[in-house]
């Protein structure tokens, strides 16, 4: 949860007014079925959140964001 402020700054930079609210992101990060992967280089430069359903053996990408300045470098792969 230490990454939340930096993650929210990236969320705003990547999605603008369509981005998720901080409280919603916090709830997702606290959900045991949601995995958040963060890429850092002094600050958060990319992240992805996905939910896992063990019962259905599936995963669903909920969000993927890359800093506008770091796009087209393969970070979203």
N, C-alpha and C. Protein backbone atom coordinates (compact mmCIF):
# COMPACT_ATOMS: atom_id res chain seq x y z
N UNK A 1 0.82 -1.20 0.00
CA UNK A 1 0.00 0.00 0.00
C UNK A 1 0.86 1.26 0.00
N UNK A 2 2.16 1.11 0.21
CA UNK A 2 3.06 2.26 0.18
C UNK A 2 3.09 2.91 -1.20
N UNK A 3 2.80 2.13 -2.23
CA UNK A 3 2.84 2.63 -3.60
C UNK A 3 1.57 3.38 -4.00
N UNK A 4 0.57 3.42 -3.14
CA UNK A 4 -0.72 3.99 -3.54
C UNK A 4 -0.62 5.43 -4.04
N UNK A 5 0.05 6.36 -3.36
CA UNK A 5 0.10 7.73 -3.88
C UNK A 5 0.75 7.81 -5.27
N UNK A 6 1.85 7.09 -5.47
CA UNK A 6 2.52 7.10 -6.77
C UNK A 6 1.66 6.39 -7.82
N UNK A 7 0.99 5.32 -7.43
CA UNK A 7 0.11 4.61 -8.35
C UNK A 7 -1.05 5.52 -8.77
N UNK A 8 -1.58 6.28 -7.83
CA UNK A 8 -2.69 7.19 -8.15
C UNK A 8 -2.22 8.32 -9.06
N UNK A 9 -0.99 8.79 -8.89
CA UNK A 9 -0.44 9.82 -9.78
C UNK A 9 -0.33 9.26 -11.20
N UNK A 10 0.12 8.01 -11.32
CA UNK A 10 0.19 7.37 -12.64
C UNK A 10 -1.21 7.18 -13.22
N UNK A 11 -2.14 6.75 -12.38
CA UNK A 11 -3.54 6.56 -12.81
C UNK A 11 -4.09 7.86 -13.42
N UNK A 12 -3.85 8.96 -12.74
CA UNK A 12 -4.33 10.26 -13.23
C UNK A 12 -3.63 10.66 -14.53
N UNK A 13 -2.31 10.43 -14.59
CA UNK A 13 -1.56 10.78 -15.79
C UNK A 13 -1.94 9.92 -16.99
N UNK A 14 -2.26 8.66 -16.73
CA UNK A 14 -2.57 7.74 -17.82
C UNK A 14 -4.02 7.85 -18.30
N UNK A 15 -4.94 8.05 -17.36
CA UNK A 15 -6.36 8.00 -17.70
C UNK A 15 -7.11 9.31 -17.52
N UNK A 16 -6.48 10.31 -16.91
CA UNK A 16 -7.13 11.59 -16.70
C UNK A 16 -8.42 11.46 -15.91
N UNK A 17 -9.46 12.17 -16.31
CA UNK A 17 -10.70 12.15 -15.53
C UNK A 17 -11.42 10.79 -15.57
N UNK A 18 -11.02 9.90 -16.48
CA UNK A 18 -11.66 8.58 -16.54
C UNK A 18 -11.01 7.58 -15.59
N UNK A 19 -9.96 8.00 -14.88
CA UNK A 19 -9.26 7.10 -13.97
C UNK A 19 -10.10 6.73 -12.76
N UNK A 20 -9.67 5.67 -12.10
CA UNK A 20 -10.38 5.20 -10.90
C UNK A 20 -10.12 6.10 -9.71
N UNK A 21 -11.09 6.14 -8.81
CA UNK A 21 -10.94 6.90 -7.57
C UNK A 21 -10.02 6.15 -6.61
N UNK A 22 -9.32 6.89 -5.77
CA UNK A 22 -8.36 6.29 -4.84
C UNK A 22 -9.00 5.24 -3.94
N UNK A 23 -10.18 5.50 -3.44
CA UNK A 23 -10.83 4.54 -2.55
C UNK A 23 -11.10 3.21 -3.26
N UNK A 24 -11.49 3.27 -4.52
CA UNK A 24 -11.72 2.05 -5.29
C UNK A 24 -10.42 1.27 -5.49
N UNK A 25 -9.34 1.97 -5.82
CA UNK A 25 -8.04 1.33 -6.00
C UNK A 25 -7.58 0.71 -4.68
N UNK A 26 -7.77 1.41 -3.58
CA UNK A 26 -7.40 0.88 -2.27
C UNK A 26 -8.17 -0.41 -1.98
N UNK A 27 -9.46 -0.43 -2.27
CA UNK A 27 -10.26 -1.64 -2.05
C UNK A 27 -9.74 -2.80 -2.90
N UNK A 28 -9.42 -2.52 -4.14
CA UNK A 28 -8.87 -3.57 -5.00
C UNK A 28 -7.55 -4.10 -4.46
N UNK A 29 -6.69 -3.20 -3.99
CA UNK A 29 -5.39 -3.62 -3.48
C UNK A 29 -5.51 -4.45 -2.20
N UNK A 30 -6.60 -4.27 -1.48
CA UNK A 30 -6.82 -5.03 -0.25
C UNK A 30 -7.53 -6.36 -0.51
N UNK A 31 -8.07 -6.54 -1.71
CA UNK A 31 -8.78 -7.77 -2.06
C UNK A 31 -7.77 -8.90 -2.27
N UNK A 32 -7.91 -10.02 -1.55
CA UNK A 32 -6.94 -11.11 -1.69
C UNK A 32 -6.96 -11.79 -3.07
N UNK A 33 -8.01 -11.56 -3.85
CA UNK A 33 -8.09 -12.16 -5.19
C UNK A 33 -7.61 -11.21 -6.28
N UNK A 34 -7.09 -10.05 -5.89
CA UNK A 34 -6.57 -9.09 -6.86
C UNK A 34 -5.07 -8.96 -6.65
N UNK A 35 -4.34 -9.10 -7.74
CA UNK A 35 -2.88 -8.97 -7.72
C UNK A 35 -2.53 -7.65 -8.39
N UNK A 36 -1.63 -6.89 -7.77
CA UNK A 36 -1.15 -5.65 -8.35
C UNK A 36 0.35 -5.77 -8.56
N UNK A 37 0.78 -5.62 -9.79
CA UNK A 37 2.20 -5.63 -10.11
C UNK A 37 2.61 -4.21 -10.47
N UNK A 38 3.69 -3.74 -9.86
CA UNK A 38 4.15 -2.36 -10.03
C UNK A 38 5.56 -2.37 -10.58
N UNK A 39 5.82 -1.56 -11.60
CA UNK A 39 7.16 -1.37 -12.14
C UNK A 39 7.64 -0.01 -11.67
N UNK A 40 8.80 0.01 -11.05
CA UNK A 40 9.34 1.26 -10.51
C UNK A 40 10.71 1.57 -11.09
N UNK A 41 10.97 2.84 -11.25
CA UNK A 41 12.28 3.37 -11.62
C UNK A 41 12.34 4.73 -10.95
N UNK A 42 12.64 4.73 -9.69
CA UNK A 42 12.59 5.90 -8.79
C UNK A 42 11.15 6.28 -8.42
N UNK A 43 10.21 5.98 -9.29
CA UNK A 43 8.79 6.19 -9.02
C UNK A 43 8.02 5.12 -9.80
N UNK A 44 6.74 5.04 -9.58
CA UNK A 44 5.92 4.06 -10.30
C UNK A 44 5.83 4.51 -11.76
N UNK A 45 6.25 3.63 -12.67
CA UNK A 45 6.18 3.96 -14.09
C UNK A 45 5.16 3.10 -14.84
N UNK A 46 4.72 2.01 -14.19
CA UNK A 46 3.71 1.15 -14.81
C UNK A 46 3.09 0.27 -13.73
N UNK A 47 1.88 -0.15 -13.98
CA UNK A 47 1.26 -1.13 -13.09
C UNK A 47 0.18 -1.88 -13.84
N UNK A 48 -0.13 -3.04 -13.33
CA UNK A 48 -1.28 -3.79 -13.80
C UNK A 48 -1.98 -4.40 -12.59
N UNK A 49 -3.28 -4.47 -12.67
CA UNK A 49 -4.08 -5.11 -11.64
C UNK A 49 -4.91 -6.18 -12.32
N UNK A 50 -4.94 -7.36 -11.73
CA UNK A 50 -5.78 -8.41 -12.29
C UNK A 50 -6.37 -9.23 -11.17
N UNK A 51 -7.56 -9.76 -11.44
CA UNK A 51 -8.24 -10.60 -10.45
C UNK A 51 -8.07 -12.05 -10.85
N UNK A 52 -7.98 -12.89 -9.85
CA UNK A 52 -7.79 -14.32 -10.06
C UNK A 52 -9.00 -15.04 -9.50
N UNK A 53 -9.54 -15.95 -10.27
CA UNK A 53 -10.63 -16.80 -9.81
C UNK A 53 -10.12 -18.25 -9.77
N UNK A 54 -9.67 -18.70 -8.58
CA UNK A 54 -9.18 -20.08 -8.48
C UNK A 54 -10.25 -21.09 -8.88
N UNK A 55 -11.50 -20.84 -8.52
CA UNK A 55 -12.58 -21.78 -8.82
C UNK A 55 -12.76 -21.96 -10.33
N UNK A 56 -12.65 -20.87 -11.06
CA UNK A 56 -12.83 -20.93 -12.52
C UNK A 56 -11.51 -21.08 -13.27
N UNK A 57 -10.41 -21.01 -12.52
CA UNK A 57 -9.07 -21.08 -13.11
C UNK A 57 -8.88 -20.02 -14.18
N UNK A 58 -9.30 -18.80 -13.86
CA UNK A 58 -9.18 -17.69 -14.81
C UNK A 58 -8.54 -16.48 -14.13
N UNK A 59 -8.07 -15.58 -14.96
CA UNK A 59 -7.58 -14.28 -14.50
C UNK A 59 -8.15 -13.22 -15.44
N UNK A 60 -8.46 -12.07 -14.89
CA UNK A 60 -9.01 -10.98 -15.68
C UNK A 60 -8.20 -9.71 -15.42
N UNK A 61 -7.69 -9.10 -16.48
CA UNK A 61 -6.96 -7.84 -16.34
C UNK A 61 -7.97 -6.76 -16.02
N UNK A 62 -7.77 -6.08 -14.90
CA UNK A 62 -8.66 -5.00 -14.49
C UNK A 62 -8.16 -3.66 -14.99
N UNK A 63 -6.85 -3.47 -14.95
CA UNK A 63 -6.27 -2.21 -15.40
C UNK A 63 -4.80 -2.42 -15.72
N UNK A 64 -4.33 -1.66 -16.68
CA UNK A 64 -2.92 -1.65 -17.03
C UNK A 64 -2.60 -0.22 -17.42
N UNK A 65 -1.61 0.35 -16.78
CA UNK A 65 -1.25 1.74 -17.07
C UNK A 65 0.26 1.87 -17.15
N UNK A 66 0.71 2.65 -18.11
CA UNK A 66 2.13 2.96 -18.26
C UNK A 66 2.25 4.47 -18.36
N UNK A 67 3.23 5.01 -17.66
CA UNK A 67 3.46 6.45 -17.70
C UNK A 67 3.59 6.91 -19.15
N UNK A 68 2.92 8.00 -19.52
CA UNK A 68 3.01 8.48 -20.91
C UNK A 68 4.45 8.65 -21.39
N UNK A 69 5.34 9.05 -20.50
CA UNK A 69 6.74 9.26 -20.87
C UNK A 69 7.49 7.95 -21.11
N UNK A 70 6.94 6.83 -20.64
CA UNK A 70 7.63 5.53 -20.76
C UNK A 70 6.90 4.56 -21.69
N UNK A 71 5.95 5.04 -22.44
CA UNK A 71 5.22 4.17 -23.36
C UNK A 71 6.10 3.78 -24.55
N UNK A 72 5.68 2.70 -25.23
CA UNK A 72 6.35 2.18 -26.43
C UNK A 72 7.74 1.62 -26.09
N UNK A 73 7.91 1.15 -24.82
CA UNK A 73 9.16 0.54 -24.40
C UNK A 73 8.96 -0.92 -23.97
N UNK A 74 7.78 -1.44 -24.20
CA UNK A 74 7.51 -2.85 -23.86
C UNK A 74 7.12 -3.11 -22.43
N UNK A 75 6.88 -2.09 -21.64
CA UNK A 75 6.53 -2.28 -20.23
C UNK A 75 5.17 -2.94 -20.04
N UNK A 76 4.27 -2.76 -20.97
CA UNK A 76 2.93 -3.35 -20.85
C UNK A 76 2.87 -4.80 -21.28
N UNK A 77 3.93 -5.29 -21.85
CA UNK A 77 3.94 -6.69 -22.27
C UNK A 77 4.02 -7.54 -21.08
